[in-house]
C-alpha atoms as a PDB file:
ATOM      1  CA  MET A   1     -73.543 153.601  12.514  1.00  0.00           C
ATOM      2  CA  LEU A   2     -71.799 150.964  10.409  1.00  0.00           C
ATOM      3  CA  ASP A   3     -71.793 148.475  13.307  1.00  0.00           C
ATOM      4  CA  THR A   4     -75.502 147.821  12.726  1.00  0.00           C
ATOM      5  CA  ARG A   5     -75.484 148.116   8.922  1.00  0.00           C
ATOM      6  CA  PRO A   6     -73.619 145.176   7.350  1.00  0.00           C
ATOM      7  CA  LEU A   7     -74.977 145.858   3.864  1.00  0.00           C
ATOM      8  CA  GLU A   8     -73.618 149.409   3.871  1.00  0.00           C
ATOM      9  CA  ARG A   9     -70.253 148.091   5.112  1.00  0.00           C
ATOM     10  CA  ALA A  10     -70.200 145.625   2.224  1.00  0.00           C
ATOM     11  CA  MET A  11     -70.980 148.344  -0.350  1.00  0.00           C
ATOM     12  CA  LEU A  12     -68.289 150.609   1.111  1.00  0.00           C
ATOM     13  CA  ALA A  13     -65.810 147.723   0.994  1.00  0.00           C
ATOM     14  CA  ALA A  14     -66.682 147.098  -2.671  1.00  0.00           C
ATOM     15  CA  PHE A  15     -66.249 150.813  -3.401  1.00  0.00           C
ATOM     16  CA  ALA A  16     -62.836 150.736  -1.700  1.00  0.00           C
ATOM     17  CA  ASP A  17     -61.779 147.632  -3.641  1.00  0.00           C
ATOM     18  CA  LEU A  18     -62.754 149.214  -6.970  1.00  0.00           C
ATOM     19  CA  THR A  19     -61.324 152.675  -6.319  1.00  0.00           C
ATOM     20  CA  ASP A  20     -57.805 153.713  -7.201  1.00  0.00           C
ATOM     21  CA  GLY A  21     -56.471 157.146  -6.349  1.00  0.00           C
ATOM     22  CA  PRO A  22     -57.611 159.967  -4.115  1.00  0.00           C
ATOM     23  CA  VAL A  23     -61.172 159.876  -2.797  1.00  0.00           C
ATOM     24  CA  ALA A  24     -63.381 162.765  -1.698  1.00  0.00           C
ATOM     25  CA  ASP A  25     -66.056 162.138   0.937  1.00  0.00           C
ATOM     26  CA  LEU A  26     -68.495 164.877  -0.101  1.00  0.00           C
ATOM     27  CA  GLY A  27     -70.885 166.015   2.602  1.00  0.00           C
ATOM     28  CA  CYS A  28     -68.656 164.236   5.112  1.00  0.00           C
ATOM     29  CA  GLY A  29     -70.396 165.596   8.212  1.00  0.00           C
ATOM     30  CA  PRO A  30     -68.434 164.587  11.334  1.00  0.00           C
ATOM     31  CA  GLY A  31     -66.019 162.482   9.281  1.00  0.00           C
ATOM     32  CA  HIS A  32     -66.909 158.976  10.452  1.00  0.00           C
ATOM     33  CA  LEU A  33     -67.128 157.589   6.910  1.00  0.00           C
ATOM     34  CA  THR A  34     -63.966 159.431   5.891  1.00  0.00           C
ATOM     35  CA  ALA A  35     -62.194 157.602   8.730  1.00  0.00           C
ATOM     36  CA  HIS A  36     -63.797 154.301   7.706  1.00  0.00           C
ATOM     37  CA  LEU A  37     -62.585 154.702   4.123  1.00  0.00           C
ATOM     38  CA  ARG A  38     -59.076 155.451   5.419  1.00  0.00           C
ATOM     39  CA  SER A  39     -59.240 152.235   7.478  1.00  0.00           C
ATOM     40  CA  LEU A  40     -60.008 150.421   4.202  1.00  0.00           C
ATOM     41  CA  GLY A  41     -56.760 151.745   2.749  1.00  0.00           C
ATOM     42  CA  LEU A  42     -57.994 154.703   0.714  1.00  0.00           C
ATOM     43  CA  ASP A  43     -56.279 158.079   0.371  1.00  0.00           C
ATOM     44  CA  VAL A  44     -59.339 160.102   1.399  1.00  0.00           C
ATOM     45  CA  PHE A  45     -60.303 163.602   2.486  1.00  0.00           C
ATOM     46  CA  GLY A  46     -63.630 165.035   3.622  1.00  0.00           C
ATOM     47  CA  LEU A  47     -65.499 168.079   2.382  1.00  0.00           C
ATOM     48  CA  ASP A  48     -68.626 169.647   3.867  1.00  0.00           C
ATOM     49  CA  LEU A  49     -70.521 172.904   3.487  1.00  0.00           C
ATOM     50  CA  SER A  50     -70.968 173.257   7.258  1.00  0.00           C
ATOM     51  CA  PRO A  51     -68.110 174.897   9.209  1.00  0.00           C
ATOM     52  CA  ALA A  52     -69.460 173.257  12.382  1.00  0.00           C
ATOM     53  CA  MET A  53     -69.273 169.778  10.831  1.00  0.00           C
ATOM     54  CA  ILE A  54     -65.754 170.405   9.551  1.00  0.00           C
ATOM     55  CA  ALA A  55     -64.661 171.601  13.005  1.00  0.00           C
ATOM     56  CA  LEU A  56     -66.154 168.459  14.592  1.00  0.00           C
ATOM     57  CA  ALA A  57     -64.532 166.200  11.966  1.00  0.00           C
ATOM     58  CA  ARG A  58     -61.126 167.833  12.503  1.00  0.00           C
ATOM     59  CA  GLU A  59     -61.457 167.490  16.270  1.00  0.00           C
ATOM     60  CA  THR A  60     -62.569 163.851  16.103  1.00  0.00           C
ATOM     61  CA  HIS A  61     -60.129 162.786  13.368  1.00  0.00           C
ATOM     62  CA  PRO A  62     -57.099 165.123  13.592  1.00  0.00           C
ATOM     63  CA  ASP A  63     -55.028 162.828  11.370  1.00  0.00           C
ATOM     64  CA  LEU A  64     -57.383 163.288   8.389  1.00  0.00           C
ATOM     65  CA  ARG A  65     -57.858 166.215   6.000  1.00  0.00           C
ATOM     66  CA  PHE A  66     -61.184 168.068   6.049  1.00  0.00           C
ATOM     67  CA  GLU A  67     -62.148 171.159   4.082  1.00  0.00           C
ATOM     68  CA  GLU A  68     -65.132 173.467   3.811  1.00  0.00           C
ATOM     69  CA  GLY A  69     -66.703 173.591   0.396  1.00  0.00           C
ATOM     70  CA  SER A  70     -69.637 172.866  -1.843  1.00  0.00           C
ATOM     71  CA  MET A  71     -70.066 169.640  -3.781  1.00  0.00           C
ATOM     72  CA  ALA A  72     -71.708 171.728  -6.512  1.00  0.00           C
ATOM     73  CA  ALA A  73     -68.481 173.691  -7.141  1.00  0.00           C
ATOM     74  CA  LEU A  74     -65.455 171.584  -6.256  1.00  0.00           C
ATOM     75  CA  ASP A  75     -62.086 173.301  -6.046  1.00  0.00           C
ATOM     76  CA  LEU A  76     -60.380 170.401  -7.829  1.00  0.00           C
ATOM     77  CA  GLU A  77     -58.765 169.933 -11.217  1.00  0.00           C
ATOM     78  CA  ASP A  78     -60.475 167.896 -13.914  1.00  0.00           C
ATOM     79  CA  GLY A  79     -59.851 164.178 -13.380  1.00  0.00           C
ATOM     80  CA  ALA A  80     -58.204 164.720  -9.983  1.00  0.00           C
ATOM     81  CA  LEU A  81     -60.077 161.949  -8.138  1.00  0.00           C
ATOM     82  CA  GLY A  82     -60.294 158.195  -8.348  1.00  0.00           C
ATOM     83  CA  GLY A  83     -63.463 158.105  -6.273  1.00  0.00           C
ATOM     84  CA  ILE A  84     -66.256 160.094  -4.672  1.00  0.00           C
ATOM     85  CA  LEU A  85     -68.442 159.074  -1.760  1.00  0.00           C
ATOM     86  CA  ALA A  86     -71.637 161.119  -1.399  1.00  0.00           C
ATOM     87  CA  PHE A  87     -73.403 159.264   1.393  1.00  0.00           C
ATOM     88  CA  TYR A  88     -76.778 160.943   2.003  1.00  0.00           C
ATOM     89  CA  SER A  89     -75.197 164.148   0.703  1.00  0.00           C
ATOM     90  CA  ILE A  90     -77.621 164.743  -2.165  1.00  0.00           C
ATOM     91  CA  ILE A  91     -80.808 164.353  -0.120  1.00  0.00           C
ATOM     92  CA  HIS A  92     -81.241 168.121   0.354  1.00  0.00           C
ATOM     93  CA  THR A  93     -80.336 169.013  -3.235  1.00  0.00           C
ATOM     94  CA  PRO A  94     -83.395 170.193  -5.179  1.00  0.00           C
ATOM     95  CA  PRO A  95     -84.061 167.827  -8.094  1.00  0.00           C
ATOM     96  CA  HIS A  96     -83.468 170.507 -10.744  1.00  0.00           C
ATOM     97  CA  GLU A  97     -79.910 171.035  -9.382  1.00  0.00           C
ATOM     98  CA  LEU A  98     -78.825 167.379  -9.435  1.00  0.00           C
ATOM     99  CA  PRO A  99     -77.779 167.242 -13.128  1.00  0.00           C
ATOM    100  CA  ALA A 100     -75.253 170.039 -12.519  1.00  0.00           C
ATOM    101  CA  VAL A 101     -73.989 168.340  -9.336  1.00  0.00           C
ATOM    102  CA  PHE A 102     -73.538 165.034 -11.169  1.00  0.00           C
ATOM    103  CA  ALA A 103     -71.759 166.832 -14.020  1.00  0.00           C
ATOM    104  CA  GLU A 104     -69.386 168.341 -11.428  1.00  0.00           C
ATOM    105  CA  PHE A 105     -68.742 164.875  -9.961  1.00  0.00           C
ATOM    106  CA  CYS A 106     -67.996 163.577 -13.448  1.00  0.00           C
ATOM    107  CA  ARG A 107     -65.637 166.485 -14.145  1.00  0.00           C
ATOM    108  CA  VAL A 108     -63.400 165.799 -11.139  1.00  0.00           C
ATOM    109  CA  LEU A 109     -63.363 162.002 -11.534  1.00  0.00           C
ATOM    110  CA  ARG A 110     -60.807 160.413 -13.824  1.00  0.00           C
ATOM    111  CA  PRO A 111     -62.118 158.001 -16.484  1.00  0.00           C
ATOM    112  CA  GLY A 112     -63.046 154.743 -14.766  1.00  0.00           C
ATOM    113  CA  GLY A 113     -63.369 156.503 -11.384  1.00  0.00           C
ATOM    114  CA  HIS A 114     -66.171 155.412  -9.067  1.00  0.00           C
ATOM    115  CA  LEU A 115     -68.959 157.315  -7.359  1.00  0.00           C
ATOM    116  CA  MET A 116     -71.004 155.860  -4.515  1.00  0.00           C
ATOM    117  CA  LEU A 117     -74.237 157.525  -3.479  1.00  0.00           C
ATOM    118  CA  GLY A 118     -76.339 156.806  -0.392  1.00  0.00           C
ATOM    119  CA  PHE A 119     -79.894 158.151  -0.254  1.00  0.00           C
ATOM    120  CA  PHE A 120     -83.468 157.625   0.860  1.00  0.00           C
ATOM    121  CA  ALA A 121     -85.290 155.513  -1.714  1.00  0.00           C
ATOM    122  CA  GLY A 122     -88.843 155.451  -2.969  1.00  0.00           C
ATOM    123  CA  ASP A 123     -90.734 153.623  -5.682  1.00  0.00           C
ATOM    124  CA  ASP A 124     -92.166 156.685  -7.399  1.00  0.00           C
ATOM    125  CA  PRO A 125     -90.150 157.721 -10.488  1.00  0.00           C
ATOM    126  CA  GLU A 126     -90.482 161.363  -9.413  1.00  0.00           C
ATOM    127  CA  PRO A 127     -88.483 162.559  -6.379  1.00  0.00           C
ATOM    128  CA  GLN A 128     -90.585 162.665  -3.227  1.00  0.00           C
ATOM    129  CA  GLU A 129     -90.158 165.672  -0.945  1.00  0.00           C
ATOM    130  CA  PHE A 130     -90.423 165.084   2.807  1.00  0.00           C
ATOM    131  CA  ASP A 131     -89.694 166.846   6.079  1.00  0.00           C
ATOM    132  CA  HIS A 132     -86.251 165.941   7.408  1.00  0.00           C
ATOM    133  CA  LYS A 133     -84.618 166.954  10.697  1.00  0.00           C
ATOM    134  CA  VAL A 134     -82.955 170.077   9.318  1.00  0.00           C
ATOM    135  CA  THR A 135     -84.825 171.019   6.162  1.00  0.00           C
ATOM    136  CA  LEU A 136     -86.696 169.467   3.288  1.00  0.00           C
ATOM    137  CA  ALA A 137     -85.199 166.333   1.784  1.00  0.00           C
ATOM    138  CA  TYR A 138     -85.929 164.075  -1.165  1.00  0.00           C
ATOM    139  CA  ARG A 139     -86.436 160.362  -1.707  1.00  0.00           C
ATOM    140  CA  TRP A 140     -85.437 159.021  -5.095  1.00  0.00           C
ATOM    141  CA  SER A 141     -86.202 155.995  -7.179  1.00  0.00           C
ATOM    142  CA  PRO A 142     -82.818 154.323  -7.740  1.00  0.00           C
ATOM    143  CA  SER A 143     -83.687 153.878 -11.420  1.00  0.00           C
ATOM    144  CA  ALA A 144     -84.495 157.584 -11.804  1.00  0.00           C
ATOM    145  CA  LEU A 145     -81.136 158.509 -10.246  1.00  0.00           C
ATOM    146  CA  VAL A 146     -79.328 156.053 -12.521  1.00  0.00           C
ATOM    147  CA  ASP A 147     -80.971 157.752 -15.508  1.00  0.00           C
ATOM    148  CA  LEU A 148     -79.649 161.148 -14.338  1.00  0.00           C
ATOM    149  CA  LEU A 149     -76.216 159.665 -13.689  1.00  0.00           C
ATOM    150  CA  LYS A 150     -76.105 158.123 -17.175  1.00  0.00           C
ATOM    151  CA  GLN A 151     -76.861 161.529 -18.673  1.00  0.00           C
ATOM    152  CA  ALA A 152     -73.870 162.915 -16.737  1.00  0.00           C
ATOM    153  CA  GLY A 153     -71.494 160.257 -18.080  1.00  0.00           C
ATOM    154  CA  PHE A 154     -71.728 157.394 -15.576  1.00  0.00           C
ATOM    155  CA  ALA A 155     -72.492 153.681 -15.959  1.00  0.00           C
ATOM    156  CA  GLU A 156     -74.117 151.647 -13.201  1.00  0.00           C
ATOM    157  CA  VAL A 157     -71.933 149.072 -11.438  1.00  0.00           C
ATOM    158  CA  GLY A 158     -74.346 147.980  -8.699  1.00  0.00           C
ATOM    159  CA  ARG A 159     -77.120 148.983  -6.367  1.00  0.00           C
ATOM    160  CA  LEU A 160     -78.467 148.084  -2.967  1.00  0.00           C
ATOM    161  CA  VAL A 161     -81.957 148.824  -1.684  1.00  0.00           C
ATOM    162  CA  ARG A 162     -82.870 147.658   1.791  1.00  0.00           C
ATOM    163  CA  GLU A 163     -85.812 147.890   4.114  1.00  0.00           C
ATOM    164  CA  PRO A 164     -85.667 150.455   6.923  1.00  0.00           C
ATOM    165  CA  ILE A 165     -84.382 149.275  10.277  1.00  0.00           C
ATOM    166  CA  GLU A 166     -85.390 150.634  13.680  1.00  0.00           C
ATOM    167  CA  GLY A 167     -85.316 154.430  13.677  1.00  0.00           C
ATOM    168  CA  GLU A 168     -85.515 154.740   9.879  1.00  0.00           C
ATOM    169  CA  ARG A 169     -88.649 155.804   8.004  1.00  0.00           C
ATOM    170  CA  PHE A 170     -87.819 154.923   4.413  1.00  0.00           C
ATOM    171  CA  LEU A 171     -86.105 152.428   2.163  1.00  0.00           C
ATOM    172  CA  GLN A 172     -82.350 153.025   2.105  1.00  0.00           C
ATOM    173  CA  ALA A 173     -80.349 152.813  -1.117  1.00  0.00           C
ATOM    174  CA  GLN A 174     -76.788 152.904  -2.353  1.00  0.00           C
ATOM    175  CA  LEU A 175     -75.712 153.235  -5.971  1.00  0.00           C
ATOM    176  CA  LEU A 176     -72.235 152.477  -7.226  1.00  0.00           C
ATOM    177  CA  VAL A 177     -71.430 153.943 -10.638  1.00  0.00           C
ATOM    178  CA  ARG A 178     -68.317 154.353 -12.789  1.00  0.00           C
ATOM    179  CA  LYS A 179     -67.332 157.254 -14.990  1.00  0.00           C
ATOM    180  CA  ARG A 180     -67.335 156.098 -18.614  1.00  0.00           C
END
Protein backbone atom coordinates (compact mmCIF):
# COMPACT_ATOMS: atom_id res chain seq x y z
CA MET A 1 0.00 0.00 0.00
CA LEU A 2 2.74 2.48 0.88
CA ASP A 3 4.43 2.01 -2.51
CA THR A 4 1.73 4.15 -4.13
CA ARG A 5 1.23 6.61 -1.25
CA PRO A 6 4.29 8.86 -0.85
CA LEU A 7 2.48 11.35 1.38
CA GLU A 8 1.56 8.64 3.89
CA ARG A 9 5.17 7.39 3.83
CA ALA A 10 6.36 10.91 4.59
CA MET A 11 3.94 11.29 7.53
CA LEU A 12 4.97 7.90 8.92
CA ALA A 13 8.63 8.88 8.58
CA ALA A 14 7.95 12.13 10.47
CA PHE A 15 6.11 10.17 13.17
CA ALA A 16 9.09 7.81 13.46
CA ASP A 17 11.55 10.71 13.67
CA LEU A 18 9.55 12.39 16.45
CA THR A 19 8.80 9.27 18.48
CA ASP A 20 10.99 7.97 21.26
CA GLY A 21 10.20 4.76 23.09
CA PRO A 22 7.85 1.86 22.49
CA VAL A 23 5.12 2.29 19.88
CA ALA A 24 1.77 0.52 19.64
CA ASP A 25 0.18 0.04 16.21
CA LEU A 26 -3.47 -0.06 17.31
CA GLY A 27 -5.82 -1.79 14.91
CA CYS A 28 -2.76 -3.23 13.18
CA GLY A 29 -4.68 -5.61 10.91
CA PRO A 30 -2.22 -7.85 9.03
CA GLY A 31 0.76 -5.99 10.46
CA HIS A 32 2.15 -4.30 7.35
CA LEU A 33 2.45 -0.90 9.04
CA THR A 34 3.88 -2.47 12.18
CA ALA A 35 6.62 -3.94 9.98
CA HIS A 36 7.11 -0.60 8.22
CA LEU A 37 7.55 1.20 11.54
CA ARG A 38 10.10 -1.43 12.61
CA SER A 39 11.99 -0.80 9.35
CA LEU A 40 12.11 2.89 10.37
CA GLY A 41 13.87 1.90 13.59
CA LEU A 42 10.99 1.92 16.06
CA ASP A 43 10.42 -0.56 18.88
CA VAL A 44 6.86 -1.43 17.84
CA PHE A 45 4.17 -4.02 18.50
CA GLY A 46 0.74 -4.50 16.95
CA LEU A 47 -2.63 -4.86 18.61
CA ASP A 48 -5.95 -5.74 16.97
CA LEU A 49 -9.39 -6.83 18.12
CA SER A 50 -9.62 -9.51 15.42
CA PRO A 51 -8.05 -12.91 16.20
CA ALA A 52 -7.93 -13.61 12.45
CA MET A 53 -5.92 -10.43 11.78
CA ILE A 54 -3.53 -11.20 14.63
CA ALA A 55 -3.01 -14.74 13.30
CA LEU A 56 -2.29 -13.35 9.81
CA ALA A 57 0.09 -10.70 11.21
CA ARG A 58 1.98 -13.32 13.25
CA GLU A 59 2.25 -15.60 10.23
CA THR A 60 3.41 -12.82 7.90
CA HIS A 61 5.76 -11.14 10.38
CA PRO A 62 6.91 -13.84 12.85
CA ASP A 63 9.72 -11.61 14.14
CA LEU A 64 7.26 -8.98 15.45
CA ARG A 65 4.99 -8.97 18.50
CA PHE A 66 1.22 -8.96 17.95
CA GLU A 67 -1.51 -9.17 20.56
CA GLU A 68 -5.29 -9.34 20.64
CA GLY A 69 -6.95 -6.48 22.43
CA SER A 70 -9.13 -3.41 22.31
CA MET A 71 -7.80 0.09 21.77
CA ALA A 72 -10.58 1.28 24.09
CA ALA A 73 -9.13 -0.66 27.05
CA LEU A 74 -5.38 -1.05 26.67
CA ASP A 75 -3.60 -3.48 28.96
CA LEU A 76 -0.71 -1.05 29.46
CA GLU A 77 0.57 1.01 32.36
CA ASP A 78 0.10 4.77 32.42
CA GLY A 79 2.78 6.49 30.33
CA ALA A 80 4.12 3.20 28.94
CA LEU A 81 4.35 4.31 25.30
CA GLY A 82 6.30 6.87 23.34
CA GLY A 83 3.95 6.63 20.38
CA ILE A 84 0.68 5.28 19.03
CA LEU A 85 -0.25 4.68 15.42
CA ALA A 86 -4.00 4.31 14.81
CA PHE A 87 -4.12 4.16 11.02
CA TYR A 88 -7.78 3.90 9.95
CA SER A 89 -8.44 2.24 13.31
CA ILE A 90 -11.02 4.74 14.57
CA ILE A 91 -13.21 4.70 11.46
CA HIS A 92 -15.67 2.19 12.94
CA THR A 93 -15.77 3.80 16.39
CA PRO A 94 -19.11 5.52 17.02
CA PRO A 95 -18.57 9.26 17.53
CA HIS A 96 -19.85 9.22 21.12
CA GLU A 97 -17.13 6.66 22.05
CA LEU A 98 -14.16 8.58 20.62
CA PRO A 99 -13.56 10.86 23.66
CA ALA A 100 -13.05 7.79 25.86
CA VAL A 101 -10.76 6.18 23.26
CA PHE A 102 -8.67 9.34 23.00
CA ALA A 103 -8.50 9.57 26.80
CA GLU A 104 -7.20 5.97 26.84
CA PHE A 105 -4.56 6.88 24.23
CA CYS A 106 -3.52 9.84 26.36
CA ARG A 107 -3.32 7.67 29.48
CA VAL A 108 -0.83 5.20 27.99
CA LEU A 109 1.33 7.82 26.26
CA ARG A 110 4.12 9.49 28.20
CA PRO A 111 4.19 13.31 28.22
CA GLY A 112 5.45 14.47 24.83
CA GLY A 113 4.49 11.14 23.21
CA HIS A 114 3.03 11.22 19.70
CA LEU A 115 -0.18 9.85 18.24
CA MET A 116 -0.75 9.52 14.50
CA LEU A 117 -4.25 8.92 13.19
CA GLY A 118 -5.27 7.98 9.65
CA PHE A 119 -8.93 8.33 8.66
CA PHE A 120 -11.44 9.17 5.96
CA ALA A 121 -11.95 12.93 5.84
CA GLY A 122 -14.93 15.12 5.09
CA ASP A 123 -15.67 18.82 5.19
CA ASP A 124 -18.74 18.62 7.40
CA PRO A 125 -17.97 19.40 11.07
CA GLU A 126 -20.22 16.51 12.10
CA PRO A 127 -19.00 12.93 11.49
CA GLN A 128 -20.49 11.43 8.34
CA GLU A 129 -21.66 7.82 8.51
CA PHE A 130 -21.20 5.68 5.40
CA ASP A 131 -21.32 2.04 4.34
CA HIS A 132 -17.88 0.44 4.47
CA LYS A 133 -16.83 -3.06 3.41
CA VAL A 134 -17.38 -4.65 6.81
CA THR A 135 -19.73 -2.37 8.72
CA LEU A 136 -20.63 1.27 9.09
CA ALA A 137 -17.75 3.73 9.17
CA TYR A 138 -17.32 7.45 9.74
CA ARG A 139 -15.66 10.32 7.91
CA TRP A 140 -14.38 13.15 10.06
CA SER A 141 -13.46 16.75 9.58
CA PRO A 142 -9.80 16.97 10.62
CA SER A 143 -10.58 20.11 12.62
CA ALA A 144 -13.40 18.37 14.51
CA LEU A 145 -11.05 15.50 15.41
CA VAL A 146 -8.37 17.96 16.54
CA ASP A 147 -10.95 19.57 18.84
CA LEU A 148 -11.71 16.17 20.41
CA LEU A 149 -8.00 15.40 20.72
CA LYS A 150 -7.35 18.75 22.43
CA GLN A 151 -10.05 17.94 24.98
CA ALA A 152 -8.23 14.65 25.69
CA GLY A 153 -4.89 16.39 26.31
CA PHE A 154 -3.22 16.51 22.89
CA ALA A 155 -1.75 19.36 20.83
CA GLU A 156 -1.66 19.30 17.04
CA VAL A 157 1.75 18.89 15.39
CA GLY A 158 0.65 18.53 11.76
CA ARG A 159 -1.97 17.29 9.38
CA LEU A 160 -2.25 15.97 5.86
CA VAL A 161 -5.40 15.87 3.76
CA ARG A 162 -5.17 14.51 0.24
CA GLU A 163 -7.49 13.81 -2.63
CA PRO A 164 -8.59 10.21 -3.19
CA ILE A 165 -6.56 8.15 -5.63
CA GLU A 166 -7.86 5.30 -7.79
CA GLY A 167 -9.97 2.91 -5.73
CA GLU A 168 -10.65 5.43 -2.94
CA ARG A 169 -13.98 7.20 -2.46
CA PHE A 170 -13.12 9.95 0.01
CA LEU A 171 -10.50 12.45 1.06
CA GLN A 172 -7.79 10.76 3.12
CA ALA A 173 -6.32 12.41 6.21
CA GLN A 174 -3.58 11.94 8.76
CA LEU A 175 -3.22 13.86 12.00
CA LEU A 176 -0.07 13.95 14.07
CA VAL A 177 -0.56 15.12 17.65
CA ARG A 178 1.56 15.24 20.82
CA LYS A 179 0.50 14.61 24.39
CA ARG A 180 0.83 17.85 26.35
